[in-house]
N, C-alpha and C. Protein backbone atom coordinates (compact mmCIF):
# COMPACT_ATOMS: atom_id res chain seq x y z
N MET A 1 -38.15 -34.13 66.09
CA MET A 1 -39.44 -34.85 66.38
C MET A 1 -39.61 -34.91 67.93
N ASN A 2 -39.05 -34.16 68.83
CA ASN A 2 -39.90 -33.78 70.39
C ASN A 2 -40.73 -33.37 69.81
N TYR A 3 -40.42 -31.82 68.81
CA TYR A 3 -41.45 -31.23 69.12
C TYR A 3 -42.86 -31.23 68.61
N LEU A 4 -42.75 -32.24 67.60
CA LEU A 4 -43.45 -32.85 66.66
C LEU A 4 -44.37 -34.14 67.71
N TYR A 5 -43.88 -34.17 68.25
CA TYR A 5 -44.23 -35.50 69.23
C TYR A 5 -45.34 -34.59 70.68
N ASP A 6 -44.35 -33.33 70.46
CA ASP A 6 -45.49 -32.49 72.13
C ASP A 6 -46.68 -32.78 70.90
N PHE A 7 -46.79 -32.17 69.74
CA PHE A 7 -48.36 -31.57 69.14
C PHE A 7 -49.09 -32.80 69.19
N TYR A 8 -48.55 -33.86 68.79
CA TYR A 8 -49.25 -34.77 68.17
C TYR A 8 -49.57 -36.02 68.85
N GLN A 9 -48.95 -35.66 70.01
CA GLN A 9 -48.77 -37.61 70.76
C GLN A 9 -50.67 -37.74 71.08
N ALA A 10 -51.58 -36.64 71.16
CA ALA A 10 -52.76 -37.60 71.35
C ALA A 10 -53.57 -38.37 70.37
N LEU A 11 -52.48 -38.71 68.92
CA LEU A 11 -53.13 -38.80 68.17
C LEU A 11 -52.34 -40.36 67.98
N LEU A 12 -51.51 -40.53 68.88
CA LEU A 12 -50.48 -41.59 68.71
C LEU A 12 -51.36 -42.58 69.81
N THR A 13 -51.04 -43.85 69.49
CA THR A 13 -51.35 -45.18 70.60
C THR A 13 -50.86 -45.21 71.63
N SER A 14 -51.11 -45.30 72.87
CA SER A 14 -50.32 -45.59 73.88
C SER A 14 -49.21 -46.59 73.29
N LYS A 15 -49.23 -47.29 72.80
CA LYS A 15 -47.66 -48.28 72.74
C LYS A 15 -46.42 -47.59 72.07
N GLN A 16 -47.26 -46.24 71.00
CA GLN A 16 -46.68 -45.21 70.21
C GLN A 16 -45.78 -44.66 71.08
N ARG A 17 -46.98 -43.76 71.44
CA ARG A 17 -46.06 -43.07 73.07
C ARG A 17 -45.41 -43.59 73.73
N ASN A 18 -45.56 -45.09 73.96
CA ASN A 18 -44.36 -45.09 75.20
C ASN A 18 -43.08 -45.57 74.65
N TYR A 19 -43.06 -45.82 72.93
CA TYR A 19 -41.57 -46.58 72.63
C TYR A 19 -41.11 -44.79 71.88
N MET A 20 -41.97 -44.33 71.75
CA MET A 20 -41.12 -42.92 71.33
C MET A 20 -40.41 -41.92 72.97
N GLU A 21 -41.74 -42.25 73.95
CA GLU A 21 -40.92 -41.02 75.18
C GLU A 21 -39.96 -42.25 75.37
N LEU A 22 -39.58 -43.57 75.58
CA LEU A 22 -38.74 -44.22 75.77
C LEU A 22 -36.85 -43.82 75.02
N TYR A 23 -37.71 -43.67 73.81
CA TYR A 23 -36.01 -43.62 72.98
C TYR A 23 -35.78 -41.89 73.01
N TYR A 24 -37.20 -41.33 72.66
CA TYR A 24 -37.24 -39.49 72.52
C TYR A 24 -36.75 -38.94 73.72
N LEU A 25 -37.75 -38.95 74.66
CA LEU A 25 -36.61 -38.18 75.97
C LEU A 25 -36.73 -39.45 76.90
N GLU A 26 -36.52 -40.29 77.51
CA GLU A 26 -35.29 -41.15 78.09
C GLU A 26 -34.36 -42.05 77.53
N ASP A 27 -34.01 -41.88 76.21
CA ASP A 27 -32.49 -42.05 75.86
C ASP A 27 -32.78 -43.54 76.28
N TYR A 28 -33.58 -44.03 75.91
CA TYR A 28 -33.60 -45.82 75.61
C TYR A 28 -33.12 -46.39 74.49
N SER A 29 -32.27 -47.89 74.36
CA SER A 29 -31.63 -47.85 73.59
C SER A 29 -32.76 -48.43 72.48
N LEU A 30 -32.85 -49.03 70.83
CA LEU A 30 -33.77 -50.10 70.50
C LEU A 30 -33.48 -50.96 71.67
N GLY A 31 -31.94 -52.11 71.55
CA GLY A 31 -32.78 -53.29 72.31
C GLY A 31 -32.70 -52.84 73.84
N GLU A 32 -33.07 -51.68 74.24
CA GLU A 32 -33.47 -51.20 76.27
C GLU A 32 -34.59 -51.48 75.45
N ILE A 33 -35.53 -51.59 74.98
CA ILE A 33 -37.18 -51.00 74.68
C ILE A 33 -37.26 -52.24 74.47
N SER A 34 -36.65 -52.74 72.97
CA SER A 34 -36.90 -54.41 73.35
C SER A 34 -36.95 -55.07 74.44
N GLU A 35 -35.83 -55.64 75.67
CA GLU A 35 -35.89 -55.80 76.20
C GLU A 35 -37.23 -56.17 77.07
N LEU A 36 -37.09 -54.49 76.61
CA LEU A 36 -38.81 -54.34 78.66
C LEU A 36 -39.98 -54.65 77.94
N TYR A 37 -40.16 -55.09 76.55
CA TYR A 37 -41.03 -55.14 75.78
C TYR A 37 -41.50 -56.25 75.34
N GLN A 38 -40.53 -56.91 75.77
CA GLN A 38 -40.12 -58.51 74.93
C GLN A 38 -40.50 -58.82 73.39
N VAL A 39 -40.36 -57.98 72.79
CA VAL A 39 -40.35 -58.13 71.36
C VAL A 39 -39.05 -57.66 70.45
N SER A 40 -38.91 -57.80 69.28
CA SER A 40 -37.39 -57.51 68.65
C SER A 40 -37.06 -56.27 68.55
N ARG A 41 -35.46 -55.79 68.74
CA ARG A 41 -35.62 -54.96 67.48
C ARG A 41 -35.83 -54.25 67.22
N GLN A 42 -36.00 -55.10 65.45
CA GLN A 42 -36.95 -54.68 64.31
C GLN A 42 -38.04 -54.28 64.66
N ALA A 43 -38.66 -54.99 65.74
CA ALA A 43 -40.00 -54.15 65.38
C ALA A 43 -39.78 -53.24 65.75
N VAL A 44 -38.79 -52.49 67.76
CA VAL A 44 -39.09 -51.18 67.67
C VAL A 44 -39.07 -50.12 67.09
N TYR A 45 -37.25 -51.08 66.15
CA TYR A 45 -37.19 -49.88 64.66
C TYR A 45 -38.49 -49.29 64.44
N ASP A 46 -39.18 -49.98 63.65
CA ASP A 46 -39.76 -50.71 62.71
C ASP A 46 -41.31 -49.43 62.99
N ASN A 47 -41.72 -50.23 64.41
CA ASN A 47 -42.65 -48.54 64.96
C ASN A 47 -42.31 -47.49 65.10
N ILE A 48 -41.25 -47.65 65.67
CA ILE A 48 -40.73 -46.05 66.35
C ILE A 48 -40.46 -45.31 64.62
N LYS A 49 -40.14 -45.83 63.12
CA LYS A 49 -40.37 -45.12 61.86
C LYS A 49 -41.57 -44.66 61.60
N ARG A 50 -42.41 -46.02 61.71
CA ARG A 50 -43.94 -45.11 60.96
C ARG A 50 -44.13 -44.63 62.17
N THR A 51 -44.17 -44.45 63.69
CA THR A 51 -44.36 -43.67 64.46
C THR A 51 -43.85 -42.06 64.44
N GLU A 52 -42.75 -41.94 63.23
CA GLU A 52 -42.38 -41.35 62.79
C GLU A 52 -42.58 -40.30 61.64
N SER A 53 -43.02 -41.50 60.88
CA SER A 53 -43.22 -41.15 59.59
C SER A 53 -45.00 -40.37 59.76
N MET A 54 -45.93 -40.85 60.50
CA MET A 54 -47.00 -40.57 60.90
C MET A 54 -47.36 -38.95 61.80
N LEU A 55 -46.25 -38.93 62.32
CA LEU A 55 -46.45 -37.20 63.31
C LEU A 55 -45.62 -36.61 61.86
N GLU A 56 -44.84 -36.73 61.12
CA GLU A 56 -44.80 -35.94 59.92
C GLU A 56 -45.99 -35.38 58.84
N SER A 57 -46.46 -37.04 58.74
CA SER A 57 -47.54 -36.27 58.20
C SER A 57 -48.31 -35.78 59.03
N TYR A 58 -49.01 -35.98 60.27
CA TYR A 58 -49.56 -34.78 60.92
C TYR A 58 -49.54 -33.45 60.13
N GLU A 59 -48.06 -33.20 60.61
CA GLU A 59 -47.65 -31.95 60.96
C GLU A 59 -47.53 -31.07 58.96
N GLU A 60 -47.36 -32.00 58.86
CA GLU A 60 -47.92 -31.95 56.60
C GLU A 60 -48.79 -31.14 56.81
N LYS A 61 -50.47 -32.07 57.03
CA LYS A 61 -51.19 -31.80 57.16
C LYS A 61 -51.85 -30.60 58.36
N LEU A 62 -51.66 -30.30 59.12
CA LEU A 62 -51.78 -29.54 60.44
C LEU A 62 -51.74 -28.34 60.72
N HIS A 63 -49.87 -28.71 60.34
CA HIS A 63 -49.15 -27.05 60.65
C HIS A 63 -48.78 -26.52 62.09
N LEU A 64 -49.02 -27.22 62.66
CA LEU A 64 -49.62 -26.59 64.21
C LEU A 64 -47.69 -26.42 64.95
N TYR A 65 -46.87 -27.44 64.27
CA TYR A 65 -45.56 -27.02 64.60
C TYR A 65 -45.18 -25.12 63.58
N GLU A 66 -45.42 -25.90 62.71
CA GLU A 66 -45.67 -24.58 62.37
C GLU A 66 -45.99 -23.28 62.62
N ARG A 67 -46.81 -23.30 62.94
CA ARG A 67 -47.82 -21.98 63.37
C ARG A 67 -47.39 -21.24 64.63
N PHE A 68 -47.11 -22.32 65.44
CA PHE A 68 -46.08 -22.44 66.94
C PHE A 68 -45.21 -21.57 66.49
N LEU A 69 -44.24 -21.64 65.23
CA LEU A 69 -42.94 -21.37 65.49
C LEU A 69 -43.40 -19.72 64.95
N LYS A 70 -44.14 -18.92 64.19
CA LYS A 70 -44.33 -18.44 63.36
C LYS A 70 -45.04 -17.34 64.12
N ARG A 71 -46.30 -17.97 64.94
CA ARG A 71 -46.52 -16.98 66.43
C ARG A 71 -45.30 -16.71 67.49
N GLY A 72 -44.22 -17.56 67.89
CA GLY A 72 -43.13 -16.98 68.87
C GLY A 72 -42.59 -15.68 68.04
N GLN A 73 -42.40 -15.93 66.59
CA GLN A 73 -41.44 -15.37 65.88
C GLN A 73 -42.30 -13.86 65.69
N ILE A 74 -43.85 -13.59 65.80
CA ILE A 74 -44.33 -12.32 65.57
C ILE A 74 -44.24 -11.71 66.95
N LEU A 75 -44.37 -12.50 67.92
CA LEU A 75 -44.41 -12.08 69.77
C LEU A 75 -42.96 -11.36 69.47
N GLU A 76 -42.70 -12.16 69.04
CA GLU A 76 -41.15 -11.53 69.77
C GLU A 76 -40.87 -9.85 69.12
N LYS A 77 -41.09 -10.16 67.88
CA LYS A 77 -41.04 -8.47 67.39
C LYS A 77 -41.92 -7.90 67.69
N MET A 78 -43.10 -7.95 67.86
CA MET A 78 -44.12 -6.85 69.18
C MET A 78 -43.04 -6.53 69.91
N GLU A 79 -42.98 -7.65 71.06
CA GLU A 79 -41.97 -6.76 72.29
C GLU A 79 -40.93 -6.10 72.38
N LYS A 80 -39.94 -6.51 70.62
CA LYS A 80 -39.18 -5.38 70.83
C LYS A 80 -39.65 -3.82 70.31
N SER A 81 -40.25 -4.68 69.38
CA SER A 81 -40.94 -2.93 68.40
C SER A 81 -41.71 -2.08 69.86
N THR A 82 -42.19 -2.24 71.05
CA THR A 82 -43.45 -1.87 71.75
C THR A 82 -42.57 -1.36 73.25
N SER A 83 -43.06 -0.05 73.85
CA SER A 83 -41.96 -0.35 75.58
C SER A 83 -43.42 -0.22 76.35
N ASP A 84 -44.91 -0.20 76.00
CA ASP A 84 -46.47 -0.34 76.65
C ASP A 84 -46.24 -1.00 77.33
N GLU A 85 -46.29 -0.32 78.64
CA GLU A 85 -46.40 -1.49 79.14
C GLU A 85 -47.05 -3.02 79.30
N SER A 86 -48.57 -1.98 79.54
CA SER A 86 -50.17 -3.08 79.25
C SER A 86 -49.45 -4.19 78.32
N MET A 87 -48.75 -3.40 76.93
CA MET A 87 -49.07 -4.58 75.64
C MET A 87 -47.80 -5.73 75.45
N LEU A 88 -47.04 -5.00 76.69
CA LEU A 88 -45.95 -6.23 77.02
C LEU A 88 -46.38 -6.86 77.90
N SER A 89 -47.22 -6.90 78.77
CA SER A 89 -48.32 -7.91 79.95
C SER A 89 -48.81 -8.97 78.74
N PHE A 90 -49.68 -7.72 77.95
CA PHE A 90 -50.38 -8.84 76.68
C PHE A 90 -49.98 -9.64 75.99
N ILE A 91 -48.62 -9.73 75.45
CA ILE A 91 -47.82 -10.60 75.16
C ILE A 91 -47.23 -11.58 75.43
N GLN A 92 -46.62 -11.18 76.80
CA GLN A 92 -46.10 -12.27 77.83
C GLN A 92 -47.58 -13.38 78.26
N GLN A 93 -48.51 -12.77 78.20
CA GLN A 93 -49.67 -13.86 78.65
C GLN A 93 -50.46 -14.88 77.31
N LEU A 94 -49.95 -14.22 75.59
CA LEU A 94 -49.84 -14.82 75.07
C LEU A 94 -48.88 -15.85 74.93
N LYS A 95 -47.61 -15.49 75.58
CA LYS A 95 -46.37 -16.46 75.15
C LYS A 95 -46.74 -17.92 76.25
N GLU A 96 -47.25 -17.75 77.23
CA GLU A 96 -47.56 -18.84 78.16
C GLU A 96 -49.19 -19.50 77.62
N ILE A 97 -48.99 -19.04 76.77
CA ILE A 97 -50.34 -20.06 76.80
C ILE A 97 -49.97 -20.92 75.44
N ASP A 98 -48.78 -20.15 74.65
CA ASP A 98 -48.59 -21.53 74.00
C ASP A 98 -47.46 -22.58 74.81
């Protein structure tokens, strides 16, 4: 879920981003988030589950994370199959872009 969040967070509302960051990145509990935002624990849970579904839906349609993984695998294979220093430099530059 963290990777999907990384790729698609720009498509979420600020409230969705805040809840996901607190829950997944900061390791807050549902209760802590509900106290912070003065809403019910159930409201936080529903928002997080709905956001998770949205992120999964975005990935099903756009495949950004899947493509990222495939690019990484291909770059690793290229890196292992060459000893050309200039090619290794280009491979490293491509890795740094992602």
